Protein backbone atom coordinates (compact mmCIF):
# COMPACT_ATOMS: atom_id res chain seq x y z
CA UNK A 1 7.88 -15.53 -21.54
CA UNK A 2 4.22 -14.22 -21.39
CA UNK A 3 3.66 -10.34 -21.97
CA UNK A 4 2.97 -8.51 -18.76
CA UNK A 5 -0.84 -7.85 -19.58
CA UNK A 6 -1.31 -11.72 -20.03
CA UNK A 7 0.55 -12.53 -16.92
CA UNK A 8 -1.36 -10.09 -14.98
CA UNK A 9 -4.57 -11.60 -16.00
CA UNK A 10 -3.37 -15.15 -15.46
CA UNK A 11 -1.99 -14.19 -11.99
CA UNK A 12 -5.19 -12.61 -11.07
CA UNK A 13 -7.23 -15.67 -12.06
CA UNK A 14 -5.13 -17.58 -9.61
CA UNK A 15 -5.28 -15.24 -6.58
CA UNK A 16 -7.87 -15.25 -3.69
CA UNK A 17 -10.49 -12.58 -4.12
CA UNK A 18 -8.94 -10.24 -1.59
CA UNK A 19 -5.69 -9.93 -3.45
CA UNK A 20 -5.15 -8.30 -6.93
CA UNK A 21 -2.38 -7.37 -9.21
CA UNK A 22 -2.99 -3.92 -10.58
CA UNK A 23 0.14 -3.54 -12.74
CA UNK A 24 3.04 -5.64 -14.07
CA UNK A 25 6.16 -4.22 -15.46
CA UNK A 26 9.37 -5.78 -16.97
CA UNK A 27 12.21 -5.51 -14.62
CA UNK A 28 16.00 -5.86 -15.40
CA UNK A 29 17.43 -9.53 -14.60
CA UNK A 30 19.35 -8.48 -11.37
CA UNK A 31 16.26 -6.53 -10.17
CA UNK A 32 15.44 -7.37 -6.33
CA UNK A 33 12.05 -6.01 -5.12
CA UNK A 34 13.26 -5.32 -1.29
CA UNK A 35 16.82 -4.23 -2.06
CA UNK A 36 16.01 -1.69 -5.03
CA UNK A 37 12.90 -0.13 -3.32
CA UNK A 38 13.69 3.47 -2.35
CA UNK A 39 10.58 4.02 -0.27
CA UNK A 40 7.52 2.28 0.77
CA UNK A 41 4.10 3.51 1.86
CA UNK A 42 1.77 2.02 4.22
CA UNK A 43 -1.53 3.13 5.03
CA UNK A 44 -3.63 2.32 8.16
CA UNK A 45 -7.67 2.45 8.03
CA UNK A 46 -9.35 3.33 11.22
CA UNK A 47 -13.34 3.70 11.25
CA UNK A 48 -15.19 5.94 13.80
CA UNK A 49 -18.35 4.02 13.55
CA UNK A 50 -19.57 0.46 13.28
CA UNK A 51 -19.49 -0.99 9.88
CA UNK A 52 -20.84 -4.46 8.82
CA UNK A 53 -19.06 -4.91 5.64
CA UNK A 54 -15.95 -3.39 6.53
CA UNK A 55 -14.98 -5.07 9.59
CA UNK A 56 -12.18 -7.08 8.26
CA UNK A 57 -10.64 -3.98 6.77
CA UNK A 58 -10.47 -1.25 9.32
CA UNK A 59 -9.96 -0.93 13.05
CA UNK A 60 -13.17 0.30 14.53
CA UNK A 61 -12.25 2.79 17.45
CA UNK A 62 -15.50 3.34 19.54
CA UNK A 63 -13.81 6.38 21.43
CA UNK A 64 -14.12 9.75 20.47
CA UNK A 65 -10.87 10.79 18.53
CA UNK A 66 -9.21 14.16 18.60
CA UNK A 67 -7.96 14.56 15.13
CA UNK A 68 -5.87 17.58 15.75
CA UNK A 69 -3.83 15.80 18.56
CA UNK A 70 -3.44 12.78 16.07
CA UNK A 71 -2.12 15.06 13.38
CA UNK A 72 0.43 16.32 15.99
CA UNK A 73 1.44 12.83 16.86
CA UNK A 74 1.96 11.86 13.14
CA UNK A 75 4.11 15.11 12.56
CA UNK A 76 6.34 13.96 15.54
CA UNK A 77 7.14 10.66 13.79
CA UNK A 78 8.62 12.32 10.62
CA UNK A 79 12.25 12.42 10.30
CA UNK A 80 15.18 10.14 10.93
CA UNK A 81 14.63 8.51 14.22
CA UNK A 82 15.57 5.28 16.20
CA UNK A 83 12.30 3.33 16.47
CA UNK A 84 13.72 0.75 18.92
CA UNK A 85 10.56 1.24 20.99
CA UNK A 86 8.28 0.36 18.01
CA UNK A 87 9.63 -2.98 17.30
CA UNK A 88 10.56 -6.31 18.69
CA UNK A 89 13.91 -6.19 16.42
CA UNK A 90 17.09 -6.62 18.38
CA UNK A 91 19.04 -3.24 17.70
CA UNK A 92 22.33 -5.30 18.31
CA UNK A 93 21.39 -7.53 15.16
CA UNK A 94 19.58 -5.00 12.99
CA UNK A 95 19.54 -1.08 12.85
CA UNK A 96 16.36 0.28 14.14
CA UNK A 97 17.06 3.77 12.57
CA UNK A 98 14.41 4.58 10.04
CA UNK A 99 13.84 7.81 7.99
CA UNK A 100 10.00 8.63 7.64
CA UNK A 101 9.41 11.11 4.91
CA UNK A 102 5.69 11.22 5.71
CA UNK A 103 3.51 10.55 8.51
CA UNK A 104 -0.07 11.95 7.72
CA UNK A 105 -3.64 11.72 8.73
CA UNK A 106 -6.35 11.96 6.05
CA UNK A 107 -10.25 11.97 6.75
CA UNK A 108 -12.84 10.37 4.39
CA UNK A 109 -16.20 10.57 6.20
CA UNK A 110 -16.20 8.14 9.21
CA UNK A 111 -12.65 6.88 8.01
CA UNK A 112 -9.50 8.16 9.38
CA UNK A 113 -6.33 7.11 7.35
CA UNK A 114 -2.92 7.22 8.44
CA UNK A 115 -0.26 7.16 5.68
CA UNK A 116 3.31 6.48 6.61
CA UNK A 117 5.96 6.59 3.87
CA UNK A 118 9.48 5.61 4.77
CA UNK A 119 12.95 4.23 3.72
CA UNK A 120 12.00 0.66 5.29
CA UNK A 121 9.99 -0.36 8.22
CA UNK A 122 10.82 -2.69 11.18
CA UNK A 123 8.59 -5.69 12.31
CA UNK A 124 5.35 -4.30 13.75
CA UNK A 125 6.44 -0.55 13.76
CA UNK A 126 3.63 0.66 11.71
CA UNK A 127 0.82 -0.91 13.92
CA UNK A 128 2.69 0.27 17.17
CA UNK A 129 2.89 3.68 15.64
CA UNK A 130 -0.64 3.72 14.71
CA UNK A 131 -1.62 2.53 18.19
CA UNK A 132 0.34 5.32 19.77
CA UNK A 133 -1.45 7.85 17.39
CA UNK A 134 -4.87 6.54 18.24
CA UNK A 135 -3.84 6.80 21.89
CA UNK A 136 -3.13 10.64 21.52
CA UNK A 137 -6.56 10.79 19.70
CA UNK A 138 -8.29 9.26 22.82
CA UNK A 139 -6.51 11.82 25.08
CA UNK A 140 -4.38 9.20 27.33
CA UNK A 141 -0.92 10.10 25.63
CA UNK A 142 0.33 13.69 24.75
CA UNK A 143 1.80 14.15 21.53
CA UNK A 144 5.01 15.41 23.01
CA UNK A 145 5.75 12.21 24.59
CA UNK A 146 6.37 10.57 21.40
CA UNK A 147 9.58 12.14 21.16
CA UNK A 148 10.59 10.50 24.47
CA UNK A 149 9.60 7.04 23.04
CA UNK A 150 12.03 8.00 20.01
CA UNK A 151 14.89 8.94 22.29
CA UNK A 152 14.91 6.05 24.56
CA UNK A 153 13.77 2.46 24.55
CA UNK A 154 10.46 1.54 25.94
CA UNK A 155 7.99 -1.41 25.67
CA UNK A 156 5.05 0.77 25.98
CA UNK A 157 4.13 1.08 22.32
CA UNK A 158 3.90 -2.76 22.10
CA UNK A 159 1.08 -2.69 24.64
CA UNK A 160 -0.81 -0.26 22.33
CA UNK A 161 -0.34 -2.25 18.88
CA UNK A 162 -3.15 -1.61 16.34
CA UNK A 163 -4.76 -4.75 15.18
CA UNK A 164 -3.76 -6.00 11.76
CA UNK A 165 -7.11 -5.50 10.05
CA UNK A 166 -6.47 -1.95 8.89
CA UNK A 167 -2.90 -2.15 7.57
CA UNK A 168 -2.13 -2.18 3.78
CA UNK A 169 1.07 -1.91 1.76
CA UNK A 170 -0.25 0.93 -0.37
CA UNK A 171 2.87 1.66 -2.78
CA UNK A 172 6.52 0.68 -3.15
CA UNK A 173 8.66 3.25 -4.97
CA UNK A 174 11.53 2.30 -7.13
CA UNK A 175 12.64 5.41 -9.15
CA UNK A 176 12.34 8.89 -7.68
CA UNK A 177 10.31 9.83 -10.82
CA UNK A 178 7.54 7.70 -10.08
CA UNK A 179 4.63 9.57 -8.86
CA UNK A 180 3.34 8.45 -5.36
CA UNK A 181 -0.54 7.80 -5.66
CA UNK A 182 -2.81 9.84 -3.51
CA UNK A 183 -4.23 8.24 -0.19
CA UNK A 184 -7.40 6.68 -0.99
CA UNK A 185 -9.73 4.41 1.26
CA UNK A 186 -9.83 0.83 0.07
CA UNK A 187 -13.42 0.82 1.07
CA UNK A 188 -16.36 3.25 0.97
CA UNK A 189 -18.13 3.55 4.18
CA UNK A 190 -21.21 6.02 3.97
């Protein structure tokens, strides 16, 4: 068996340029990466201006965004809710209830980063949440209407799904003692 630091070097040599293993740690023999996770953090990058080099890594939103309203929208998602409106998953086959420990917004120059940390996530849930958050920033949805979307099933969020280009799995937490890293952009846009 290879030492973790050697394995990391060998794996990174084989991976495409846009994928990078940052750390490798030995795990117990019965460890399961999905079932043993206690939380997952996704971040979504939105750029408020055109960028030549970052197009593939952000969602460029041309409209003016009201960040305060977007922060209100983020806060409405926190807690234990039924996210049936934010997924195509069938609630009769799989539970659509999820606990979100954090849904926050961070600004880095022209970048707006939405950070979402939860127990688990449903199919397209994060992208549909981001789409609704952006719509509140555009002024076409009031942040208070999010509570209605969490109370009763609606297909509306699917019509506002954010593109995949800005979505990143940021961190998976396996131990409560693990420190969750601070939100940082994956690219720098001056």
